[in-house]
Amino acid sequence: MERFDVVIVGGGVSGSIAGIAAARNGSRVLIIESMGFLGGSLTNAGVNPMMTFHAGDRQVILGITNEIVQELVKIGKSPGHVKDPGNFTATYTPFDPEAMKYVLEKLLRDAGGKVLFHAQLQDVVVEHEIIKNISVLTRTGTSVLAASVYIDATGDAELATRAGLKTRLGREGDEFTQAMTLTMRMDNVNVEKLRKYVLTHPDEFWVDSDKFKRAERISVAGFKKEWAAAKAAGEISADNGRDYLLMFEANNPGEFVFNSTRISGYNPIDPWSLSDAEFVGRRQCLEIERFVKKVVPGFENAHVIGTGPNIGIRSSRQIVGLHTITGSELLHQIVPEDTIAISGYPIDIHDEKTSNVKKLPYGGFYGIPYRALVGREVANLIVTGRCISATFQAQSAIRTTPTVGAIGEAAGLAASMAAISSTPVQKIDIQVLRQKLKANGGFIQ
């Protein structure tokens, strides 16, 4: 049995950054990832751009998460943080997903961390409120691994659930989960033709024309009338709950990422339901490709270069931690004493029946408390990413990449501290953790 200080299950952005942080703090770290690369939704679900590192004009997400962006900028694989011409958030951050895979793993390896790809969590052994070891399924069979502290970065609270932490699914009362999305990338778009159309028809789009004129990378949210006509004609299926086209120019000029499918009514933790959702997403992507080539100026010669490849999941399980973050806390801009990350992303629920966005005042932000990362039941398990303890409404705000990256850095440092001092994760010195995050360049109030 191989032993580590910290074992992280899940190599998405939050898990990867947790691994980098723990390794830099001197711990022997292993990340277990089911794919052949790190990056999670950014690299295996095509999510692009990242939203948002800022609260108004102030950058509130720094540390390792921002370091990754800086590394991408250095090698020409991201323009960095650019103004959002649609004013949904202050900024967003396009990037190249292939370079993201490389940068995440390079930073992990440079810090001394290890990764085991193509490995799936199989079993968890818990004794007296301590995870003793876990089993993972690899191509050569089952491997047993042990650690002083574990981090659940699965997105679905898989490790936490198997270890006995209390969890819940989706919305309180009916277990409704947010709509899923299969993204699609198209290139060879005539950007200036598209830009000119938007600027000459500003009433048809959610756009700040002055920002849009100057934007280094553009985004488009609109074509609502054309979308409705296509739905009425059966060209866009009724099961696509979106009522407008949403797309973002990526790192490579002329390449666009579509966040325009909406796959509702499927269960993200039921493998059969999730399998059906993947097909629905592919069908919706094909319809969108036909729509933009027919309707959207600049797409006449564009072509698809990829979807997903996996469907994007916004919400599934949440742990029930020492504290559950609520939407009211975010809207009232509460920054608890044990805050370990700051975010300014709005409440953002995707569904045709319950869609709503509740923004903060310009420049407003809220704090993510450490208590939301740990449960009562297990002394050596920390949870990071979108499945921390939050209500359905609050989770819709704290689930995006920059925010979960900042949470991941705190989770990794906390796990390393607990491992080094043989302290239960619930009892580490939060102020020391906060001081470490600040010393490492984090924005902590």
Protein backbone atom coordinates (compact mmCIF):
# COMPACT_ATOMS: atom_id res chain seq x y z
CA MET A 1 0.00 0.00 0.00
CA GLU A 2 1.49 3.33 -1.05
CA ARG A 3 1.11 6.15 1.47
CA PHE A 4 0.92 9.93 1.01
CA ASP A 5 0.36 12.94 3.23
CA VAL A 6 -2.53 14.19 1.12
CA VAL A 7 -4.58 12.28 -1.47
CA ILE A 8 -6.96 14.25 -3.66
CA VAL A 9 -9.73 12.50 -5.56
CA GLY A 10 -10.52 14.56 -8.64
CA GLY A 11 -8.14 16.56 -10.80
CA GLY A 12 -10.38 19.40 -11.88
CA VAL A 13 -9.29 22.99 -11.35
CA SER A 14 -10.11 22.93 -7.65
CA GLY A 15 -8.42 19.57 -7.04
CA SER A 16 -5.38 20.49 -9.15
CA ILE A 17 -4.86 23.76 -7.30
CA ALA A 18 -5.38 21.99 -3.97
CA GLY A 19 -2.62 19.58 -4.97
CA ILE A 20 -0.24 22.38 -5.98
CA ALA A 21 -0.89 24.23 -2.71
CA ALA A 22 -0.41 21.16 -0.52
CA ALA A 23 2.77 20.12 -2.33
CA ARG A 24 4.24 23.62 -2.08
CA ASN A 25 3.58 23.48 1.65
CA GLY A 26 5.84 20.44 1.90
CA SER A 27 3.37 17.56 1.77
CA ARG A 28 3.64 14.39 -0.29
CA VAL A 29 0.64 14.71 -2.60
CA LEU A 30 -1.21 12.46 -5.02
CA ILE A 31 -4.10 13.48 -7.28
CA ILE A 32 -6.34 10.69 -8.58
CA GLU A 33 -8.04 11.55 -11.87
CA SER A 34 -10.30 9.45 -14.07
CA MET A 35 -9.30 11.23 -17.30
CA GLY A 36 -5.82 11.40 -18.83
CA PHE A 37 -5.33 15.09 -17.97
CA LEU A 38 -6.12 17.70 -15.33
CA GLY A 39 -8.51 20.62 -15.58
CA GLY A 40 -11.98 19.18 -15.09
CA SER A 41 -14.74 21.25 -16.68
CA LEU A 42 -12.22 23.51 -18.41
CA THR A 43 -10.56 20.65 -20.27
CA ASN A 44 -13.03 17.76 -20.32
CA ALA A 45 -16.27 19.73 -20.67
CA GLY A 46 -15.12 22.64 -22.80
CA VAL A 47 -16.08 25.40 -20.36
CA ASN A 48 -14.59 28.67 -21.64
CA PRO A 49 -14.03 31.45 -20.63
CA MET A 50 -13.45 31.51 -16.88
CA MET A 51 -15.79 33.89 -15.00
CA THR A 52 -14.78 35.94 -13.00
CA PHE A 53 -11.63 36.90 -11.10
CA HIS A 54 -12.99 40.35 -10.30
CA ALA A 55 -15.54 42.16 -8.19
CA GLY A 56 -16.04 45.36 -10.11
CA ASP A 57 -12.62 46.86 -10.79
CA ARG A 58 -10.95 44.94 -7.97
CA GLN A 59 -9.37 41.54 -8.59
CA VAL A 60 -10.43 39.35 -5.68
CA ILE A 61 -9.20 35.96 -6.90
CA LEU A 62 -5.43 35.81 -6.94
CA GLY A 63 -2.98 33.21 -5.62
CA ILE A 64 -2.39 30.02 -7.60
CA THR A 65 -5.58 30.42 -9.64
CA ASN A 66 -4.31 33.72 -11.05
CA GLU A 67 -0.78 32.33 -11.39
CA ILE A 68 -2.17 29.77 -13.83
CA VAL A 69 -3.60 32.56 -15.97
CA GLN A 70 -0.26 34.40 -15.88
CA GLU A 71 1.52 31.26 -17.05
CA LEU A 72 -0.95 30.90 -19.93
CA VAL A 73 -0.47 34.54 -20.91
CA LYS A 74 3.32 34.07 -20.97
CA ILE A 75 3.06 31.30 -23.57
CA GLY A 76 0.42 33.07 -25.66
CA LYS A 77 -2.43 30.78 -24.59
CA SER A 78 -4.67 33.39 -22.94
CA PRO A 79 -5.23 37.12 -23.41
CA GLY A 80 -5.64 37.36 -19.64
CA HIS A 81 -8.58 39.03 -17.93
CA VAL A 82 -10.65 41.00 -20.45
CA LYS A 83 -13.64 43.29 -19.95
CA ASP A 84 -17.00 41.58 -20.40
CA PRO A 85 -18.74 43.53 -23.18
CA GLY A 86 -22.05 42.09 -22.06
CA ASN A 87 -21.60 43.39 -18.49
CA PHE A 88 -22.75 40.09 -16.99
CA THR A 89 -19.54 40.08 -14.97
CA ALA A 90 -16.78 42.67 -14.82
CA THR A 91 -14.30 40.46 -16.66
CA TYR A 92 -13.86 37.02 -18.08
CA THR A 93 -10.77 35.05 -19.02
CA PRO A 94 -10.47 33.09 -22.29
CA PHE A 95 -7.79 30.41 -22.51
CA ASP A 96 -6.53 27.51 -24.60
CA PRO A 97 -7.74 24.22 -23.02
CA GLU A 98 -4.80 22.16 -24.30
CA ALA A 99 -2.35 24.57 -22.71
CA MET A 100 -4.43 24.50 -19.51
CA LYS A 101 -3.84 20.75 -19.25
CA TYR A 102 -0.09 21.28 -19.52
CA VAL A 103 0.20 24.24 -17.14
CA LEU A 104 -1.81 22.60 -14.35
CA GLU A 105 0.24 19.42 -14.46
CA LYS A 106 3.56 21.28 -14.79
CA LEU A 107 2.84 23.37 -11.69
CA LEU A 108 1.84 20.24 -9.78
CA ARG A 109 4.95 18.32 -10.82
CA ASP A 110 7.22 21.33 -10.21
CA ALA A 111 5.86 21.44 -6.65
CA GLY A 112 6.66 17.75 -6.16
CA GLY A 113 3.11 16.44 -6.46
CA LYS A 114 2.12 13.28 -8.32
CA VAL A 115 -0.91 12.36 -10.39
CA LEU A 116 -2.45 8.98 -11.17
CA PHE A 117 -4.51 9.20 -14.35
CA HIS A 118 -7.15 6.74 -15.58
CA ALA A 119 -8.06 5.82 -12.01
CA GLN A 120 -11.59 5.67 -10.58
CA LEU A 121 -12.58 5.71 -6.92
CA GLN A 122 -13.88 2.27 -5.98
CA ASP A 123 -14.05 1.92 -2.19
CA VAL A 124 -13.41 3.82 1.03
CA VAL A 125 -12.49 2.28 4.40
CA VAL A 126 -13.50 4.35 7.43
CA GLU A 127 -12.72 3.40 11.03
CA HIS A 128 -13.55 5.50 14.09
CA GLU A 129 -14.27 8.63 11.99
CA ILE A 130 -10.97 8.29 10.10
CA ILE A 131 -10.52 7.32 6.45
CA LYS A 132 -7.92 4.57 6.67
CA ASN A 133 -7.47 4.00 2.94
CA ILE A 134 -9.21 4.12 -0.41
CA SER A 135 -9.28 1.74 -3.37
CA VAL A 136 -9.07 2.95 -6.94
CA LEU A 137 -9.68 0.98 -10.10
CA THR A 138 -6.89 1.25 -12.69
CA ARG A 139 -6.14 -0.56 -15.93
CA THR A 140 -4.18 -3.19 -14.02
CA GLY A 141 -6.82 -3.73 -11.34
CA THR A 142 -7.42 -2.33 -7.88
CA SER A 143 -4.83 -0.23 -6.05
CA VAL A 144 -5.08 0.63 -2.35
CA LEU A 145 -3.81 4.04 -1.29
CA ALA A 146 -3.54 5.67 2.12
CA ALA A 147 -3.07 9.24 3.31
CA SER A 148 -3.14 11.28 6.48
CA VAL A 149 -5.71 13.63 4.93
CA TYR A 150 -8.00 13.28 1.91
CA ILE A 151 -9.61 15.92 -0.28
CA ASP A 152 -12.82 15.30 -2.20
CA ALA A 153 -12.55 17.28 -5.44
CA THR A 154 -14.89 15.06 -7.46
CA GLY A 155 -17.55 17.73 -8.01
CA ASP A 156 -20.21 15.21 -7.03
CA ALA A 157 -19.05 14.58 -3.43
CA GLU A 158 -18.28 10.95 -4.35
CA LEU A 159 -15.58 10.43 -1.73
CA ALA A 160 -17.54 12.28 0.94
CA THR A 161 -20.66 10.22 0.27
CA ARG A 162 -18.79 6.92 0.47
CA ALA A 163 -17.01 8.06 3.63
CA GLY A 164 -20.32 8.72 5.37
CA LEU A 165 -20.69 12.49 5.20
CA LYS A 166 -24.25 13.71 5.04
CA THR A 167 -25.07 15.06 1.57
CA ARG A 168 -28.09 16.27 -0.34
CA LEU A 169 -28.92 16.48 -4.03
CA GLY A 170 -29.86 19.69 -5.79
CA ARG A 171 -32.59 22.03 -4.66
CA GLU A 172 -34.03 21.73 -1.19
CA GLY A 173 -37.36 19.91 -1.23
CA ASP A 174 -37.43 18.40 -4.71
CA GLU A 175 -33.76 17.53 -5.56
CA PHE A 176 -33.98 19.52 -8.79
CA THR A 177 -30.51 20.12 -10.27
CA GLN A 178 -29.52 22.87 -12.65
CA ALA A 179 -29.64 22.26 -16.38
CA MET A 180 -26.52 20.71 -17.87
CA THR A 181 -24.73 22.06 -20.95
CA LEU A 182 -22.69 20.45 -23.69
CA THR A 183 -20.39 23.11 -25.10
CA MET A 184 -19.35 23.38 -28.74
CA ARG A 185 -16.38 25.08 -30.43
CA MET A 186 -16.42 26.54 -33.94
CA ASP A 187 -13.64 28.34 -35.77
CA ASN A 188 -13.04 30.27 -38.99
CA VAL A 189 -15.56 32.90 -37.90
CA ASN A 190 -15.43 36.33 -39.54
CA VAL A 191 -15.27 38.26 -36.28
CA GLU A 192 -15.42 41.74 -37.79
CA LYS A 193 -18.55 40.90 -39.76
CA LEU A 194 -20.17 39.63 -36.56
CA ARG A 195 -18.95 42.64 -34.58
CA LYS A 196 -20.35 45.06 -37.18
CA TYR A 197 -23.76 43.35 -37.08
CA VAL A 198 -23.98 43.53 -33.29
CA LEU A 199 -22.92 47.19 -33.23
CA THR A 200 -25.55 48.10 -35.84
CA HIS A 201 -28.29 46.16 -34.01
CA PRO A 202 -27.51 46.86 -30.32
CA ASP A 203 -31.12 46.53 -29.18
CA GLU A 204 -31.06 42.85 -30.13
CA PHE A 205 -28.21 41.99 -27.76
CA TRP A 206 -27.11 42.27 -24.16
CA VAL A 207 -24.10 44.42 -24.93
CA ASP A 208 -22.20 47.55 -23.92
CA SER A 209 -21.46 49.00 -27.35
CA ASP A 210 -18.44 51.01 -26.23
CA LYS A 211 -16.82 47.97 -24.61
CA PHE A 212 -17.83 45.78 -27.56
CA LYS A 213 -16.11 48.10 -30.05
CA ARG A 214 -12.82 47.88 -28.16
CA ALA A 215 -13.08 44.27 -26.99
CA GLU A 216 -10.02 42.14 -27.69
CA ARG A 217 -12.27 39.06 -27.54
CA ILE A 218 -16.02 39.45 -28.03
CA SER A 219 -18.99 37.62 -26.61
CA VAL A 220 -22.50 37.59 -28.05
CA ALA A 221 -25.77 37.06 -26.21
CA GLY A 222 -28.79 37.63 -28.39
CA PHE A 223 -30.47 36.64 -31.67
CA LYS A 224 -33.57 36.11 -29.53
CA LYS A 225 -36.12 36.64 -32.33
CA GLU A 226 -34.25 34.37 -34.71
CA TRP A 227 -33.93 31.72 -31.99
CA ALA A 228 -37.67 31.86 -31.29
CA ALA A 229 -38.43 31.51 -35.01
CA ALA A 230 -36.11 28.51 -35.27
CA LYS A 231 -37.87 26.91 -32.29
CA ALA A 232 -41.26 27.55 -33.83
CA ALA A 233 -40.06 25.88 -37.04
CA GLY A 234 -38.67 22.89 -35.12
CA GLU A 235 -35.08 23.73 -36.10
CA ILE A 236 -34.17 24.21 -32.43
CA SER A 237 -35.80 21.49 -30.31
CA ALA A 238 -38.26 22.47 -27.62
CA ASP A 239 -36.18 20.62 -25.02
CA ASN A 240 -33.46 23.27 -25.35
CA GLY A 241 -34.54 25.61 -22.59
CA ARG A 242 -32.44 28.56 -23.71
CA ASP A 243 -34.24 31.39 -25.44
CA TYR A 244 -31.19 33.08 -27.01
CA LEU A 245 -27.76 32.31 -28.43
CA LEU A 246 -24.75 32.65 -26.11
CA MET A 247 -21.18 32.36 -27.35
CA PHE A 248 -17.71 33.60 -26.42
CA GLU A 249 -14.62 34.19 -28.53
CA ALA A 250 -11.84 31.95 -27.24
CA ASN A 251 -8.08 32.46 -26.96
CA ASN A 252 -7.62 31.92 -30.71
CA PRO A 253 -9.19 34.82 -32.65
CA GLY A 254 -12.11 33.63 -34.75
CA GLU A 255 -12.81 30.62 -32.53
CA PHE A 256 -16.03 30.65 -30.51
CA VAL A 257 -17.28 28.53 -27.64
CA PHE A 258 -21.06 28.07 -27.37
CA ASN A 259 -22.86 27.89 -24.04
CA SER A 260 -26.20 27.51 -25.81
CA THR A 261 -27.44 24.01 -25.07
CA ARG A 262 -29.64 23.52 -22.05
CA ILE A 263 -30.33 19.94 -21.00
CA SER A 264 -32.93 19.85 -18.24
CA GLY A 265 -34.63 17.07 -16.32
CA TYR A 266 -31.70 14.65 -16.16
CA ASN A 267 -29.97 13.37 -13.04
CA PRO A 268 -26.22 14.09 -13.04
CA ILE A 269 -25.41 11.29 -10.56
CA ASP A 270 -27.51 8.59 -12.29
CA PRO A 271 -25.25 7.02 -14.97
CA TRP A 272 -28.20 6.02 -17.17
CA SER A 273 -29.78 9.45 -17.03
CA LEU A 274 -26.41 11.14 -17.58
CA SER A 275 -25.77 8.94 -20.62
CA ASP A 276 -29.08 10.04 -22.16
CA ALA A 277 -28.23 13.67 -21.41
CA GLU A 278 -24.97 13.38 -23.37
CA PHE A 279 -26.91 12.37 -26.50
CA VAL A 280 -29.43 15.18 -26.07
CA GLY A 281 -26.51 17.60 -25.85
CA ARG A 282 -25.02 16.31 -29.09
CA ARG A 283 -28.36 16.72 -30.86
CA GLN A 284 -28.75 20.27 -29.56
CA CYS A 285 -25.21 21.13 -30.69
CA LEU A 286 -25.96 19.95 -34.22
CA GLU A 287 -29.06 22.14 -34.28
CA ILE A 288 -27.07 25.15 -33.08
CA GLU A 289 -24.40 24.58 -35.75
CA ARG A 290 -27.09 24.65 -38.45
CA PHE A 291 -28.70 27.71 -36.87
CA VAL A 292 -25.57 29.88 -36.74
CA LYS A 293 -24.45 28.98 -40.25
CA LYS A 294 -27.90 29.95 -41.53
CA VAL A 295 -28.63 33.00 -39.37
CA VAL A 296 -25.54 34.54 -37.75
CA PRO A 297 -23.36 36.90 -39.82
CA GLY A 298 -19.74 35.78 -39.90
CA PHE A 299 -20.46 32.05 -39.54
CA GLU A 300 -20.99 31.29 -43.22
CA ASN A 301 -17.63 29.46 -43.50
CA ALA A 302 -17.25 28.39 -39.88
CA HIS A 303 -17.03 24.76 -38.85
CA VAL A 304 -17.22 22.70 -35.67
CA ILE A 305 -13.89 21.64 -34.15
CA GLY A 306 -15.26 19.89 -31.10
CA THR A 307 -17.94 19.42 -28.48
CA GLY A 308 -17.52 18.80 -24.77
CA PRO A 309 -16.13 16.19 -24.87
CA ASN A 310 -18.15 15.56 -21.69
CA ILE A 311 -21.37 17.28 -20.73
CA GLY A 312 -20.96 20.12 -18.26
CA ILE A 313 -22.62 19.63 -14.87
CA ARG A 314 -23.47 22.71 -12.84
CA SER A 315 -24.85 21.10 -9.70
CA SER A 316 -25.37 17.70 -8.13
CA ARG A 317 -24.60 16.73 -4.53
CA GLN A 318 -23.60 19.11 -1.74
CA ILE A 319 -22.14 18.06 1.57
CA VAL A 320 -23.84 19.23 4.76
CA GLY A 321 -20.90 20.87 6.47
CA LEU A 322 -20.25 22.71 9.70
CA HIS A 323 -21.79 25.70 7.97
CA THR A 324 -24.07 25.89 4.93
CA ILE A 325 -23.62 28.99 2.79
CA THR A 326 -26.93 30.64 1.87
CA GLY A 327 -27.96 32.93 -0.94
CA SER A 328 -28.89 35.59 1.60
CA GLU A 329 -25.34 35.60 2.96
CA LEU A 330 -23.96 36.20 -0.52
CA LEU A 331 -26.44 38.94 -1.38
CA HIS A 332 -25.72 40.66 1.95
CA GLN A 333 -21.99 40.38 1.17
CA ILE A 334 -21.17 38.53 4.37
CA VAL A 335 -17.45 37.89 4.92
CA PRO A 336 -17.18 35.47 7.89
CA GLU A 337 -14.21 35.37 10.24
CA ASP A 338 -13.10 32.03 8.77
CA THR A 339 -13.25 33.24 5.16
CA ILE A 340 -10.72 31.44 2.97
CA ALA A 341 -11.79 32.74 -0.47
CA ILE A 342 -13.55 35.80 -1.88
CA SER A 343 -15.83 35.92 -4.92
CA GLY A 344 -18.03 38.42 -6.71
CA TYR A 345 -19.86 36.02 -9.04
CA PRO A 346 -23.66 36.43 -8.96
CA ILE A 347 -26.37 33.94 -8.14
CA ASP A 348 -26.90 32.32 -11.54
CA ILE A 349 -29.51 29.55 -11.91
CA HIS A 350 -29.94 27.94 -15.33
CA ASP A 351 -33.38 26.55 -16.03
CA GLU A 352 -36.26 27.73 -18.18
CA LYS A 353 -38.70 27.58 -15.24
CA THR A 354 -36.56 29.01 -12.46
CA SER A 355 -33.86 31.01 -14.27
CA ASN A 356 -32.73 33.97 -12.29
CA VAL A 357 -29.64 36.06 -11.83
CA LYS A 358 -29.16 38.12 -8.69
CA LYS A 359 -26.17 40.37 -8.96
CA LEU A 360 -24.28 42.17 -6.25
CA PRO A 361 -23.70 45.92 -6.41
CA TYR A 362 -20.79 46.78 -8.69
CA GLY A 363 -17.65 45.86 -6.77
CA GLY A 364 -19.54 43.77 -4.21
CA PHE A 365 -18.18 40.46 -2.97
CA TYR A 366 -18.71 37.78 -0.33
CA GLY A 367 -16.60 35.31 1.62
CA ILE A 368 -16.43 31.50 1.51
CA PRO A 369 -16.03 30.16 5.07
CA TYR A 370 -13.72 27.23 5.82
CA ARG A 371 -16.56 25.60 7.80
CA ALA A 372 -18.34 24.91 4.48
CA LEU A 373 -15.45 22.64 3.40
CA VAL A 374 -15.66 20.16 6.28
CA GLY A 375 -18.32 17.91 7.76
CA ARG A 376 -18.77 16.55 11.25
CA GLU A 377 -18.49 12.87 10.48
CA VAL A 378 -14.86 12.35 9.34
CA ALA A 379 -11.74 13.89 10.90
CA ASN A 380 -9.42 13.68 7.89
CA LEU A 381 -11.56 14.75 4.93
CA ILE A 382 -11.84 18.18 3.33
CA VAL A 383 -14.21 18.91 0.42
CA THR A 384 -13.50 21.43 -2.31
CA GLY A 385 -15.12 22.63 -5.51
CA ARG A 386 -18.76 22.97 -6.42
CA CYS A 387 -19.94 20.37 -3.88
CA ILE A 388 -19.04 22.25 -0.68
CA SER A 389 -21.80 22.98 1.83
CA ALA A 390 -24.15 25.52 0.24
CA THR A 391 -27.84 25.89 -0.50
CA PHE A 392 -29.04 25.41 -4.06
CA GLN A 393 -29.20 29.16 -4.55
CA ALA A 394 -25.78 29.85 -3.07
CA GLN A 395 -24.18 26.98 -4.95
CA SER A 396 -25.20 28.58 -8.24
CA ALA A 397 -22.84 31.45 -7.39
CA ILE A 398 -19.83 29.68 -5.88
CA ARG A 399 -19.57 26.91 -8.53
CA THR A 400 -17.56 28.75 -11.20
CA THR A 401 -13.90 28.09 -11.94
CA PRO A 402 -12.08 31.09 -10.43
CA THR A 403 -14.04 30.72 -7.19
CA VAL A 404 -13.49 26.97 -6.85
CA GLY A 405 -9.84 27.52 -7.71
CA ALA A 406 -9.47 29.86 -4.74
CA ILE A 407 -11.36 27.38 -2.55
CA GLY A 408 -9.03 24.63 -3.76
CA GLU A 409 -5.91 26.52 -2.72
CA ALA A 410 -7.31 26.87 0.79
CA ALA A 411 -8.34 23.21 0.89
CA GLY A 412 -4.87 22.08 -0.15
CA LEU A 413 -3.12 24.25 2.41
CA ALA A 414 -5.54 23.16 5.14
CA ALA A 415 -5.03 19.49 4.29
CA SER A 416 -1.25 19.91 4.41
CA MET A 417 -1.45 21.71 7.76
CA ALA A 418 -3.67 18.97 9.20
CA ALA A 419 -1.37 16.24 7.89
CA ILE A 420 1.80 17.86 9.23
CA SER A 421 0.34 18.53 12.69
CA SER A 422 -1.82 15.37 12.95
CA THR A 423 -4.80 17.63 13.64
CA PRO A 424 -8.44 16.89 12.71
CA VAL A 425 -9.42 19.02 9.74
CA GLN A 426 -12.17 20.63 11.80
CA LYS A 427 -9.64 21.92 14.33
CA ILE A 428 -6.82 23.44 12.32
CA ASP A 429 -5.88 27.04 13.13
CA ILE A 430 -7.99 29.00 10.65
CA GLN A 431 -6.12 32.24 11.24
CA VAL A 432 -2.81 30.55 10.41
CA LEU A 433 -4.43 29.20 7.23
CA ARG A 434 -5.64 32.69 6.32
CA GLN A 435 -2.19 34.14 6.98
CA LYS A 436 -0.63 31.52 4.70
CA LEU A 437 -3.12 32.33 1.94
CA LYS A 438 -2.33 36.04 2.24
CA ALA A 439 1.43 35.36 2.26
CA ASN A 440 0.97 33.37 -0.95
CA GLY A 441 -0.68 36.32 -2.65
CA GLY A 442 -4.32 35.57 -1.94
CA PHE A 443 -7.01 38.22 -1.46
CA ILE A 444 -8.41 37.52 2.02
CA GLN A 445 -10.43 40.09 3.97
